Amino acid sequence: MSAPVTLQLLVGFLMFSVVFVPLERYFPLRKKRAFRSGWVTDVTYYAVGCFVANLSDATSRLGGMLLIRGAELNTGSMVANQAGWVQFIEILILTDFLAYVFHRALHQNAYLWRLHRVHHTSTNMDWLANVRLHPIDKILGDCFQFIPIFCLGFASTPLLAYTIFLGFQGFLNHSNIKIDFGPLRWIIASPQFHHWHHDNDARSYNKNFAPHLVIFDVLFRTAYFPPGYSMPAKYGIPDPVPQGFWGQIIYPFRPINLAEETACLFDHTAAERGGPEATEHLS
């Protein structure tokens, strides 16, 4: 039986705070106030996200169960009998690929971009920026990634290990920490890799999608490392999205002008393609 959501919220927030607050204080990429603008919005997202995560987990498990019964799948024993570390690697690679596909769709579909745009409103990149995610964006993404995982029947221990790894890497990739992965930057997603995805420049919008491994961005020609391994000067998007939590929750449901939204996406893509090529831009 899982712990109450309120306990998950408090323990999780304390755990991540203990790790990332000191790291950002003593090894900052940029000096900034602890309570920077937007922190209340992001803490609210964290609290709401704990409840949403439980809903998306239940939805994914239900979806997996229905698919197993409907398609009469029987892969559980074969997968679950593998060594735990093998299952962990398999989960990591499979979810990373699925996350890449879904994340790229979020940027290229006008309806999905209305949801995901909320995540890109953060003008301050730090560990808390990781949780600024519209609940529907969160639920759709989790279901897309985890229904196949549940259908395959991975054991609970590798799944738990992956969930912890997912949380820590997500916060690390968004964190305000000055860190160089060295040669591993070509393999493992890092703050240096993911910060460019949040660059306030349309040329960077469709780059660096994967949450864990750089390989899928390299394979599909969306990996981007600028010369000198510099970091973005400015984050966010130019679109007029509200900064408060409730305004951002309601924002995707305002009357849609599909032609305008699609044109906006094409403008971003055109700017990206027309921009100067970086010496280590792998597309």
C-alpha atoms as a PDB file:
ATOM      1  CA  MET A   1       0.000   0.000   0.000  1.00  0.00           C
ATOM      2  CA  SER A   2       1.421   3.375  -1.008  1.00  0.00           C
ATOM      3  CA  ALA A   3       1.918   6.245   1.422  1.00  0.00           C
ATOM      4  CA  PRO A   4      -0.732   9.007   1.617  1.00  0.00           C
ATOM      5  CA  VAL A   5      -0.295  11.680  -1.048  1.00  0.00           C
ATOM      6  CA  THR A   6       0.313  14.396   1.560  1.00  0.00           C
ATOM      7  CA  LEU A   7       3.178  12.352   3.023  1.00  0.00           C
ATOM      8  CA  GLN A   8       4.619  11.760  -0.455  1.00  0.00           C
ATOM      9  CA  LEU A   9       4.408  15.508  -1.053  1.00  0.00           C
ATOM     10  CA  LEU A  10       6.203  16.502   2.152  1.00  0.00           C
ATOM     11  CA  VAL A  11       8.874  13.789   2.065  1.00  0.00           C
ATOM     12  CA  GLY A  12       9.567  14.284  -1.643  1.00  0.00           C
ATOM     13  CA  PHE A  13       9.815  18.065  -1.387  1.00  0.00           C
ATOM     14  CA  LEU A  14      12.117  17.808   1.634  1.00  0.00           C
ATOM     15  CA  MET A  15      14.308  15.201  -0.065  1.00  0.00           C
ATOM     16  CA  PHE A  16      14.761  17.164  -3.287  1.00  0.00           C
ATOM     17  CA  SER A  17      15.229  20.427  -1.375  1.00  0.00           C
ATOM     18  CA  VAL A  18      17.992  18.932   0.758  1.00  0.00           C
ATOM     19  CA  VAL A  19      19.827  17.827  -2.386  1.00  0.00           C
ATOM     20  CA  PHE A  20      19.320  20.719  -4.814  1.00  0.00           C
ATOM     21  CA  VAL A  21      19.073  23.851  -2.663  1.00  0.00           C
ATOM     22  CA  PRO A  22      22.661  23.476  -1.334  1.00  0.00           C
ATOM     23  CA  LEU A  23      23.986  22.495  -4.779  1.00  0.00           C
ATOM     24  CA  GLU A  24      22.423  25.577  -6.367  1.00  0.00           C
ATOM     25  CA  ARG A  25      23.721  27.780  -3.566  1.00  0.00           C
ATOM     26  CA  TYR A  26      27.344  26.619  -3.620  1.00  0.00           C
ATOM     27  CA  PHE A  27      27.726  25.649  -7.298  1.00  0.00           C
ATOM     28  CA  PRO A  28      25.387  28.066  -9.096  1.00  0.00           C
ATOM     29  CA  LEU A  29      25.315  28.538 -12.827  1.00  0.00           C
ATOM     30  CA  ARG A  30      23.947  32.027 -12.136  1.00  0.00           C
ATOM     31  CA  LYS A  31      23.632  33.920  -8.869  1.00  0.00           C
ATOM     32  CA  LYS A  32      19.986  34.442  -7.970  1.00  0.00           C
ATOM     33  CA  ARG A  33      17.699  34.934  -5.009  1.00  0.00           C
ATOM     34  CA  ALA A  34      16.452  31.813  -3.262  1.00  0.00           C
ATOM     35  CA  PHE A  35      12.860  33.033  -3.564  1.00  0.00           C
ATOM     36  CA  ARG A  36      13.015  34.187  -7.165  1.00  0.00           C
ATOM     37  CA  SER A  37       9.983  35.347  -9.126  1.00  0.00           C
ATOM     38  CA  GLY A  38       7.537  32.539  -9.835  1.00  0.00           C
ATOM     39  CA  TRP A  39       8.554  30.321  -6.907  1.00  0.00           C
ATOM     40  CA  VAL A  40       5.038  30.326  -5.432  1.00  0.00           C
ATOM     41  CA  THR A  41       3.640  29.178  -8.782  1.00  0.00           C
ATOM     42  CA  ASP A  42       6.181  26.352  -8.983  1.00  0.00           C
ATOM     43  CA  VAL A  43       5.631  25.190  -5.400  1.00  0.00           C
ATOM     44  CA  THR A  44       1.910  25.077  -6.200  1.00  0.00           C
ATOM     45  CA  TYR A  45       2.682  22.951  -9.261  1.00  0.00           C
ATOM     46  CA  TYR A  46       4.747  20.629  -7.058  1.00  0.00           C
ATOM     47  CA  ALA A  47       1.881  20.157  -4.593  1.00  0.00           C
ATOM     48  CA  VAL A  48      -0.751  19.638  -7.291  1.00  0.00           C
ATOM     49  CA  GLY A  49       1.644  17.435  -9.252  1.00  0.00           C
ATOM     50  CA  CYS A  50       1.820  14.897  -6.434  1.00  0.00           C
ATOM     51  CA  PHE A  51      -1.920  14.305  -6.716  1.00  0.00           C
ATOM     52  CA  VAL A  52      -1.774  14.341 -10.527  1.00  0.00           C
ATOM     53  CA  ALA A  53       1.077  11.784 -10.485  1.00  0.00           C
ATOM     54  CA  ASN A  54      -1.058   9.372  -8.481  1.00  0.00           C
ATOM     55  CA  LEU A  55      -3.924   9.860 -10.938  1.00  0.00           C
ATOM     56  CA  SER A  56      -1.682   9.318 -13.964  1.00  0.00           C
ATOM     57  CA  ASP A  57      -0.166   6.227 -12.326  1.00  0.00           C
ATOM     58  CA  ALA A  58      -3.613   4.733 -11.729  1.00  0.00           C
ATOM     59  CA  THR A  59      -4.709   5.643 -15.267  1.00  0.00           C
ATOM     60  CA  SER A  60      -1.583   4.073 -16.781  1.00  0.00           C
ATOM     61  CA  ARG A  61      -2.017   0.886 -14.764  1.00  0.00           C
ATOM     62  CA  LEU A  62      -5.684   0.649 -15.761  1.00  0.00           C
ATOM     63  CA  GLY A  63      -4.809   1.269 -19.409  1.00  0.00           C
ATOM     64  CA  GLY A  64      -2.104  -1.402 -19.271  1.00  0.00           C
ATOM     65  CA  MET A  65      -4.465  -3.900 -17.647  1.00  0.00           C
ATOM     66  CA  LEU A  66      -7.165  -3.304 -20.276  1.00  0.00           C
ATOM     67  CA  LEU A  67      -4.651  -3.714 -23.106  1.00  0.00           C
ATOM     68  CA  ILE A  68      -3.289  -6.938 -21.598  1.00  0.00           C
ATOM     69  CA  ARG A  69      -6.776  -8.389 -21.331  1.00  0.00           C
ATOM     70  CA  GLY A  70      -7.974  -7.080 -24.674  1.00  0.00           C
ATOM     71  CA  ALA A  71      -4.920  -8.215 -26.631  1.00  0.00           C
ATOM     72  CA  GLU A  72      -4.355 -11.311 -24.470  1.00  0.00           C
ATOM     73  CA  LEU A  73      -0.725 -10.352 -23.850  1.00  0.00           C
ATOM     74  CA  ASN A  74       1.418 -12.615 -21.707  1.00  0.00           C
ATOM     75  CA  THR A  75       4.904 -11.095 -21.485  1.00  0.00           C
ATOM     76  CA  GLY A  76       5.029 -10.492 -17.719  1.00  0.00           C
ATOM     77  CA  SER A  77       6.856 -13.602 -16.573  1.00  0.00           C
ATOM     78  CA  MET A  78       9.419 -13.399 -19.390  1.00  0.00           C
ATOM     79  CA  VAL A  79      10.279  -9.766 -18.622  1.00  0.00           C
ATOM     80  CA  ALA A  80      10.019  -9.884 -14.825  1.00  0.00           C
ATOM     81  CA  ASN A  81      12.300 -12.942 -14.581  1.00  0.00           C
ATOM     82  CA  GLN A  82      15.258 -10.998 -15.976  1.00  0.00           C
ATOM     83  CA  ALA A  83      17.911  -9.558 -13.663  1.00  0.00           C
ATOM     84  CA  GLY A  84      16.802  -6.336 -11.999  1.00  0.00           C
ATOM     85  CA  TRP A  85      19.592  -4.248 -13.540  1.00  0.00           C
ATOM     86  CA  VAL A  86      18.690  -5.537 -17.013  1.00  0.00           C
ATOM     87  CA  GLN A  87      15.063  -4.510 -16.478  1.00  0.00           C
ATOM     88  CA  PHE A  88      16.181  -1.079 -15.263  1.00  0.00           C
ATOM     89  CA  ILE A  89      18.213  -0.488 -18.435  1.00  0.00           C
ATOM     90  CA  GLU A  90      15.343  -1.709 -20.611  1.00  0.00           C
ATOM     91  CA  ILE A  91      12.883   0.597 -18.840  1.00  0.00           C
ATOM     92  CA  LEU A  92      15.310   3.511 -19.161  1.00  0.00           C
ATOM     93  CA  ILE A  93      15.825   3.068 -22.913  1.00  0.00           C
ATOM     94  CA  LEU A  94      12.179   2.371 -23.715  1.00  0.00           C
ATOM     95  CA  THR A  95      10.769   5.262 -21.658  1.00  0.00           C
ATOM     96  CA  ASP A  96      13.437   7.608 -22.995  1.00  0.00           C
ATOM     97  CA  PHE A  97      12.423   6.781 -26.577  1.00  0.00           C
ATOM     98  CA  LEU A  98       8.718   7.152 -25.793  1.00  0.00           C
ATOM     99  CA  ALA A  99       9.375  10.419 -23.938  1.00  0.00           C
ATOM    100  CA  TYR A 100      11.337  11.704 -26.943  1.00  0.00           C
ATOM    101  CA  VAL A 101       8.468  10.897 -29.322  1.00  0.00           C
ATOM    102  CA  PHE A 102       5.819  12.440 -27.071  1.00  0.00           C
ATOM    103  CA  HIS A 103       7.897  15.513 -26.221  1.00  0.00           C
ATOM    104  CA  ARG A 104       8.570  16.177 -29.885  1.00  0.00           C
ATOM    105  CA  ALA A 105       4.835  15.852 -30.612  1.00  0.00           C
ATOM    106  CA  LEU A 106       4.132  18.429 -27.884  1.00  0.00           C
ATOM    107  CA  HIS A 107       6.216  20.926 -29.826  1.00  0.00           C
ATOM    108  CA  GLN A 108       4.855  20.106 -33.270  1.00  0.00           C
ATOM    109  CA  ASN A 109       1.119  19.759 -32.682  1.00  0.00           C
ATOM    110  CA  ALA A 110      -0.809  23.006 -32.173  1.00  0.00           C
ATOM    111  CA  TYR A 111      -3.211  21.544 -29.610  1.00  0.00           C
ATOM    112  CA  LEU A 112      -0.522  19.794 -27.583  1.00  0.00           C
ATOM    113  CA  TRP A 113       1.718  22.863 -27.690  1.00  0.00           C
ATOM    114  CA  ARG A 114      -1.010  24.864 -25.961  1.00  0.00           C
ATOM    115  CA  LEU A 115      -0.587  22.539 -22.979  1.00  0.00           C
ATOM    116  CA  HIS A 116       3.188  22.205 -23.091  1.00  0.00           C
ATOM    117  CA  ARG A 117       3.758  25.908 -23.620  1.00  0.00           C
ATOM    118  CA  VAL A 118       3.063  26.309 -19.893  1.00  0.00           C
ATOM    119  CA  HIS A 119       6.257  24.407 -19.067  1.00  0.00           C
ATOM    120  CA  HIS A 120       8.277  26.828 -21.171  1.00  0.00           C
ATOM    121  CA  THR A 121       7.014  29.948 -19.380  1.00  0.00           C
ATOM    122  CA  SER A 122       9.742  29.626 -16.735  1.00  0.00           C
ATOM    123  CA  THR A 123      12.184  32.510 -17.063  1.00  0.00           C
ATOM    124  CA  ASN A 124      14.253  31.203 -14.144  1.00  0.00           C
ATOM    125  CA  MET A 125      15.828  27.809 -14.618  1.00  0.00           C
ATOM    126  CA  ASP A 126      16.351  25.937 -11.383  1.00  0.00           C
ATOM    127  CA  TRP A 127      15.270  22.629  -9.875  1.00  0.00           C
ATOM    128  CA  LEU A 128      11.720  23.835  -9.214  1.00  0.00           C
ATOM    129  CA  ALA A 129      11.189  24.731 -12.888  1.00  0.00           C
ATOM    130  CA  ASN A 130      10.981  20.980 -13.497  1.00  0.00           C
ATOM    131  CA  VAL A 131       7.499  20.759 -11.958  1.00  0.00           C
ATOM    132  CA  ARG A 132       5.842  23.560 -13.945  1.00  0.00           C
ATOM    133  CA  LEU A 133       3.761  21.230 -16.086  1.00  0.00           C
ATOM    134  CA  HIS A 134       0.092  21.424 -16.976  1.00  0.00           C
ATOM    135  CA  PRO A 135      -1.745  18.484 -15.330  1.00  0.00           C
ATOM    136  CA  ILE A 136      -3.140  17.250 -18.655  1.00  0.00           C
ATOM    137  CA  ASP A 137       0.336  17.412 -20.188  1.00  0.00           C
ATOM    138  CA  LYS A 138       1.589  15.343 -17.226  1.00  0.00           C
ATOM    139  CA  ILE A 139      -1.183  12.723 -17.473  1.00  0.00           C
ATOM    140  CA  LEU A 140      -0.890  12.302 -21.256  1.00  0.00           C
ATOM    141  CA  GLY A 141       2.896  11.995 -21.080  1.00  0.00           C
ATOM    142  CA  ASP A 142       2.855   9.484 -18.240  1.00  0.00           C
ATOM    143  CA  CYS A 143       0.243   7.323 -19.960  1.00  0.00           C
ATOM    144  CA  PHE A 144       2.130   7.390 -23.260  1.00  0.00           C
ATOM    145  CA  GLN A 145       5.333   6.243 -21.533  1.00  0.00           C
ATOM    146  CA  PHE A 146       4.091   3.905 -18.826  1.00  0.00           C
ATOM    147  CA  ILE A 147       1.183   1.990 -20.366  1.00  0.00           C
ATOM    148  CA  PRO A 148       3.663   0.053 -22.556  1.00  0.00           C
ATOM    149  CA  ILE A 149       5.890  -0.473 -19.499  1.00  0.00           C
ATOM    150  CA  PHE A 150       3.003  -1.914 -17.476  1.00  0.00           C
ATOM    151  CA  CYS A 151       1.911  -4.057 -20.429  1.00  0.00           C
ATOM    152  CA  LEU A 152       5.363  -5.626 -20.614  1.00  0.00           C
ATOM    153  CA  GLY A 153       5.199  -6.606 -16.950  1.00  0.00           C
ATOM    154  CA  PHE A 154       8.419  -5.256 -15.461  1.00  0.00           C
ATOM    155  CA  ALA A 155       8.999  -6.066 -11.795  1.00  0.00           C
ATOM    156  CA  SER A 156       8.172  -3.493  -9.131  1.00  0.00           C
ATOM    157  CA  THR A 157      11.748  -2.979  -7.835  1.00  0.00           C
ATOM    158  CA  PRO A 158      13.291  -1.894 -11.191  1.00  0.00           C
ATOM    159  CA  LEU A 159      10.223   0.291 -11.766  1.00  0.00           C
ATOM    160  CA  LEU A 160      10.695   1.967  -8.393  1.00  0.00           C
ATOM    161  CA  ALA A 161      14.405   2.471  -9.063  1.00  0.00           C
ATOM    162  CA  TYR A 162      13.594   4.043 -12.425  1.00  0.00           C
ATOM    163  CA  THR A 163      10.958   6.338 -10.875  1.00  0.00           C
ATOM    164  CA  ILE A 164      13.509   7.656  -8.365  1.00  0.00           C
ATOM    165  CA  PHE A 165      16.096   8.085 -11.121  1.00  0.00           C
ATOM    166  CA  LEU A 166      13.527   9.897 -13.287  1.00  0.00           C
ATOM    167  CA  GLY A 167      12.753  12.355 -10.500  1.00  0.00           C
ATOM    168  CA  PHE A 168      16.363  13.176  -9.691  1.00  0.00           C
ATOM    169  CA  GLN A 169      17.452  13.569 -13.315  1.00  0.00           C
ATOM    170  CA  GLY A 170      14.437  15.745 -14.109  1.00  0.00           C
ATOM    171  CA  PHE A 171      15.305  18.129 -11.271  1.00  0.00           C
ATOM    172  CA  LEU A 172      19.011  18.028 -12.154  1.00  0.00           C
ATOM    173  CA  ASN A 173      18.420  18.832 -15.833  1.00  0.00           C
ATOM    174  CA  HIS A 174      16.468  21.968 -14.904  1.00  0.00           C
ATOM    175  CA  SER A 175      18.719  22.965 -11.998  1.00  0.00           C
ATOM    176  CA  ASN A 176      20.798  26.121 -11.682  1.00  0.00           C
ATOM    177  CA  ILE A 177      23.993  24.116 -11.148  1.00  0.00           C
ATOM    178  CA  LYS A 178      27.265  24.663 -12.951  1.00  0.00           C
ATOM    179  CA  ILE A 179      28.358  21.173 -13.882  1.00  0.00           C
ATOM    180  CA  ASP A 180      30.254  19.666 -16.797  1.00  0.00           C
ATOM    181  CA  PHE A 181      29.585  16.036 -17.649  1.00  0.00           C
ATOM    182  CA  GLY A 182      32.725  15.898 -19.786  1.00  0.00           C
ATOM    183  CA  PRO A 183      32.603  13.188 -22.475  1.00  0.00           C
ATOM    184  CA  LEU A 184      29.417  11.826 -20.861  1.00  0.00           C
ATOM    185  CA  ARG A 185      27.542  14.861 -22.190  1.00  0.00           C
ATOM    186  CA  TRP A 186      27.270  12.960 -25.488  1.00  0.00           C
ATOM    187  CA  ILE A 187      25.501  10.103 -23.710  1.00  0.00           C
ATOM    188  CA  ILE A 188      23.585  11.412 -20.681  1.00  0.00           C
ATOM    189  CA  ALA A 189      21.201  14.381 -20.690  1.00  0.00           C
ATOM    190  CA  SER A 190      22.508  17.139 -18.403  1.00  0.00           C
ATOM    191  CA  PRO A 191      21.652  20.723 -17.387  1.00  0.00           C
ATOM    192  CA  GLN A 192      23.908  21.884 -20.206  1.00  0.00           C
ATOM    193  CA  PHE A 193      21.891  19.764 -22.641  1.00  0.00           C
ATOM    194  CA  HIS A 194      18.395  20.553 -21.358  1.00  0.00           C
ATOM    195  CA  HIS A 195      18.802  24.256 -20.638  1.00  0.00           C
ATOM    196  CA  TRP A 196      19.122  24.886 -24.369  1.00  0.00           C
ATOM    197  CA  HIS A 197      15.692  23.331 -24.826  1.00  0.00           C
ATOM    198  CA  HIS A 198      14.356  26.199 -22.659  1.00  0.00           C
ATOM    199  CA  ASP A 199      16.287  28.916 -24.469  1.00  0.00           C
ATOM    200  CA  ASN A 200      14.134  31.949 -25.305  1.00  0.00           C
ATOM    201  CA  ASP A 201      15.025  31.686 -28.968  1.00  0.00           C
ATOM    202  CA  ALA A 202      12.895  29.860 -31.527  1.00  0.00           C
ATOM    203  CA  ARG A 203      16.029  28.320 -33.022  1.00  0.00           C
ATOM    204  CA  SER A 204      16.355  26.158 -29.907  1.00  0.00           C
ATOM    205  CA  TYR A 205      12.719  25.158 -29.382  1.00  0.00           C
ATOM    206  CA  ASN A 206      12.923  21.917 -31.324  1.00  0.00           C
ATOM    207  CA  LYS A 207      16.170  20.664 -29.828  1.00  0.00           C
ATOM    208  CA  ASN A 208      17.238  18.320 -27.016  1.00  0.00           C
ATOM    209  CA  PHE A 209      13.947  16.540 -26.321  1.00  0.00           C
ATOM    210  CA  ALA A 210      15.011  13.360 -24.503  1.00  0.00           C
ATOM    211  CA  PRO A 211      14.992  13.325 -20.677  1.00  0.00           C
ATOM    212  CA  HIS A 212      17.745  10.761 -20.041  1.00  0.00           C
ATOM    213  CA  LEU A 213      19.943   9.921 -23.004  1.00  0.00           C
ATOM    214  CA  VAL A 214      21.336  12.092 -25.793  1.00  0.00           C
ATOM    215  CA  ILE A 215      21.312   9.186 -28.260  1.00  0.00           C
ATOM    216  CA  PHE A 216      17.772   9.677 -29.584  1.00  0.00           C
ATOM    217  CA  ASP A 217      18.339  13.379 -30.252  1.00  0.00           C
ATOM    218  CA  VAL A 218      21.538  12.440 -32.086  1.00  0.00           C
ATOM    219  CA  LEU A 219      19.785   9.723 -34.112  1.00  0.00           C
ATOM    220  CA  PHE A 220      16.874  11.995 -35.085  1.00  0.00           C
ATOM    221  CA  ARG A 221      19.092  15.042 -35.670  1.00  0.00           C
ATOM    222  CA  THR A 222      17.712  17.239 -32.895  1.00  0.00           C
ATOM    223  CA  ALA A 223      20.764  17.323 -30.600  1.00  0.00           C
ATOM    224  CA  TYR A 224      22.285  20.742 -30.014  1.00  0.00           C
ATOM    225  CA  PHE A 225      25.515  21.750 -28.262  1.00  0.00           C
ATOM    226  CA  PRO A 226      26.647  25.281 -29.101  1.00  0.00           C
ATOM    227  CA  PRO A 227      30.295  26.281 -29.519  1.00  0.00           C
ATOM    228  CA  GLY A 228      32.228  26.466 -26.273  1.00  0.00           C
ATOM    229  CA  TYR A 229      29.439  24.703 -24.388  1.00  0.00           C
ATOM    230  CA  SER A 230      27.889  28.013 -23.427  1.00  0.00           C
ATOM    231  CA  MET A 231      24.504  28.335 -21.711  1.00  0.00           C
ATOM    232  CA  PRO A 232      21.428  30.328 -22.796  1.00  0.00           C
ATOM    233  CA  ALA A 233      21.344  34.007 -21.862  1.00  0.00           C
ATOM    234  CA  LYS A 234      17.571  34.052 -21.465  1.00  0.00           C
ATOM    235  CA  TYR A 235      14.834  31.499 -20.824  1.00  0.00           C
ATOM    236  CA  GLY A 236      11.109  31.309 -21.534  1.00  0.00           C
ATOM    237  CA  ILE A 237       8.962  32.061 -24.565  1.00  0.00           C
ATOM    238  CA  PRO A 238       7.691  35.328 -26.073  1.00  0.00           C
ATOM    239  CA  ASP A 239       4.062  34.142 -26.019  1.00  0.00           C
ATOM    240  CA  PRO A 240       1.766  36.043 -23.609  1.00  0.00           C
ATOM    241  CA  VAL A 241       1.052  33.198 -21.156  1.00  0.00           C
ATOM    242  CA  PRO A 242      -0.135  34.188 -17.650  1.00  0.00           C
ATOM    243  CA  GLN A 243       2.451  33.780 -14.890  1.00  0.00           C
ATOM    244  CA  GLY A 244       0.096  32.647 -12.105  1.00  0.00           C
ATOM    245  CA  PHE A 245      -0.889  29.012 -11.506  1.00  0.00           C
ATOM    246  CA  TRP A 246      -4.629  29.295 -12.198  1.00  0.00           C
ATOM    247  CA  GLY A 247      -4.093  31.514 -15.224  1.00  0.00           C
ATOM    248  CA  GLN A 248      -1.761  28.888 -16.697  1.00  0.00           C
ATOM    249  CA  ILE A 249      -4.187  26.057 -15.915  1.00  0.00           C
ATOM    250  CA  ILE A 250      -7.003  27.839 -17.767  1.00  0.00           C
ATOM    251  CA  TYR A 251      -4.818  29.238 -20.560  1.00  0.00           C
ATOM    252  CA  PRO A 252      -4.848  26.202 -22.916  1.00  0.00           C
ATOM    253  CA  PHE A 253      -8.651  26.200 -22.971  1.00  0.00           C
ATOM    254  CA  ARG A 254      -9.173  29.737 -24.214  1.00  0.00           C
ATOM    255  CA  PRO A 255     -10.821  29.958 -27.669  1.00  0.00           C
ATOM    256  CA  ILE A 256      -8.326  28.567 -30.151  1.00  0.00           C
ATOM    257  CA  ASN A 257      -7.337  30.000 -33.481  1.00  0.00           C
ATOM    258  CA  LEU A 258      -5.825  26.889 -35.032  1.00  0.00           C
ATOM    259  CA  ALA A 259      -4.415  28.782 -38.017  1.00  0.00           C
ATOM    260  CA  GLU A 260      -2.680  31.240 -35.683  1.00  0.00           C
ATOM    261  CA  GLU A 261      -1.345  28.464 -33.443  1.00  0.00           C
ATOM    262  CA  THR A 262      -0.063  26.478 -36.428  1.00  0.00           C
ATOM    263  CA  ALA A 263       1.546  29.579 -37.925  1.00  0.00           C
ATOM    264  CA  CYS A 264       3.282  30.198 -34.621  1.00  0.00           C
ATOM    265  CA  LEU A 265       4.719  26.686 -34.680  1.00  0.00           C
ATOM    266  CA  PHE A 266       5.875  27.103 -38.271  1.00  0.00           C
ATOM    267  CA  ASP A 267       7.482  30.429 -37.366  1.00  0.00           C
ATOM    268  CA  HIS A 268       9.441  28.690 -34.611  1.00  0.00           C
ATOM    269  CA  THR A 269      10.538  25.944 -36.985  1.00  0.00           C
ATOM    270  CA  ALA A 270      11.518  28.402 -39.703  1.00  0.00           C
ATOM    271  CA  ALA A 271      13.556  30.469 -37.270  1.00  0.00           C
ATOM    272  CA  GLU A 272      15.273  27.342 -36.018  1.00  0.00           C
ATOM    273  CA  ARG A 273      16.185  26.200 -39.515  1.00  0.00           C
ATOM    274  CA  GLY A 274      17.273  29.637 -40.608  1.00  0.00           C
ATOM    275  CA  GLY A 275      19.500  30.281 -37.603  1.00  0.00           C
ATOM    276  CA  PRO A 276      23.299  30.079 -37.574  1.00  0.00           C
ATOM    277  CA  GLU A 277      24.668  26.567 -37.299  1.00  0.00           C
ATOM    278  CA  ALA A 278      26.713  25.771 -34.195  1.00  0.00           C
ATOM    279  CA  THR A 279      29.989  23.961 -34.686  1.00  0.00           C
ATOM    280  CA  GLU A 280      28.707  21.103 -32.550  1.00  0.00           C
ATOM    281  CA  HIS A 281      25.100  21.233 -33.683  1.00  0.00           C
ATOM    282  CA  LEU A 282      24.468  17.604 -34.568  1.00  0.00           C
ATOM    283  CA  SER A 283      21.539  18.069 -36.942  1.00  0.00           C
END
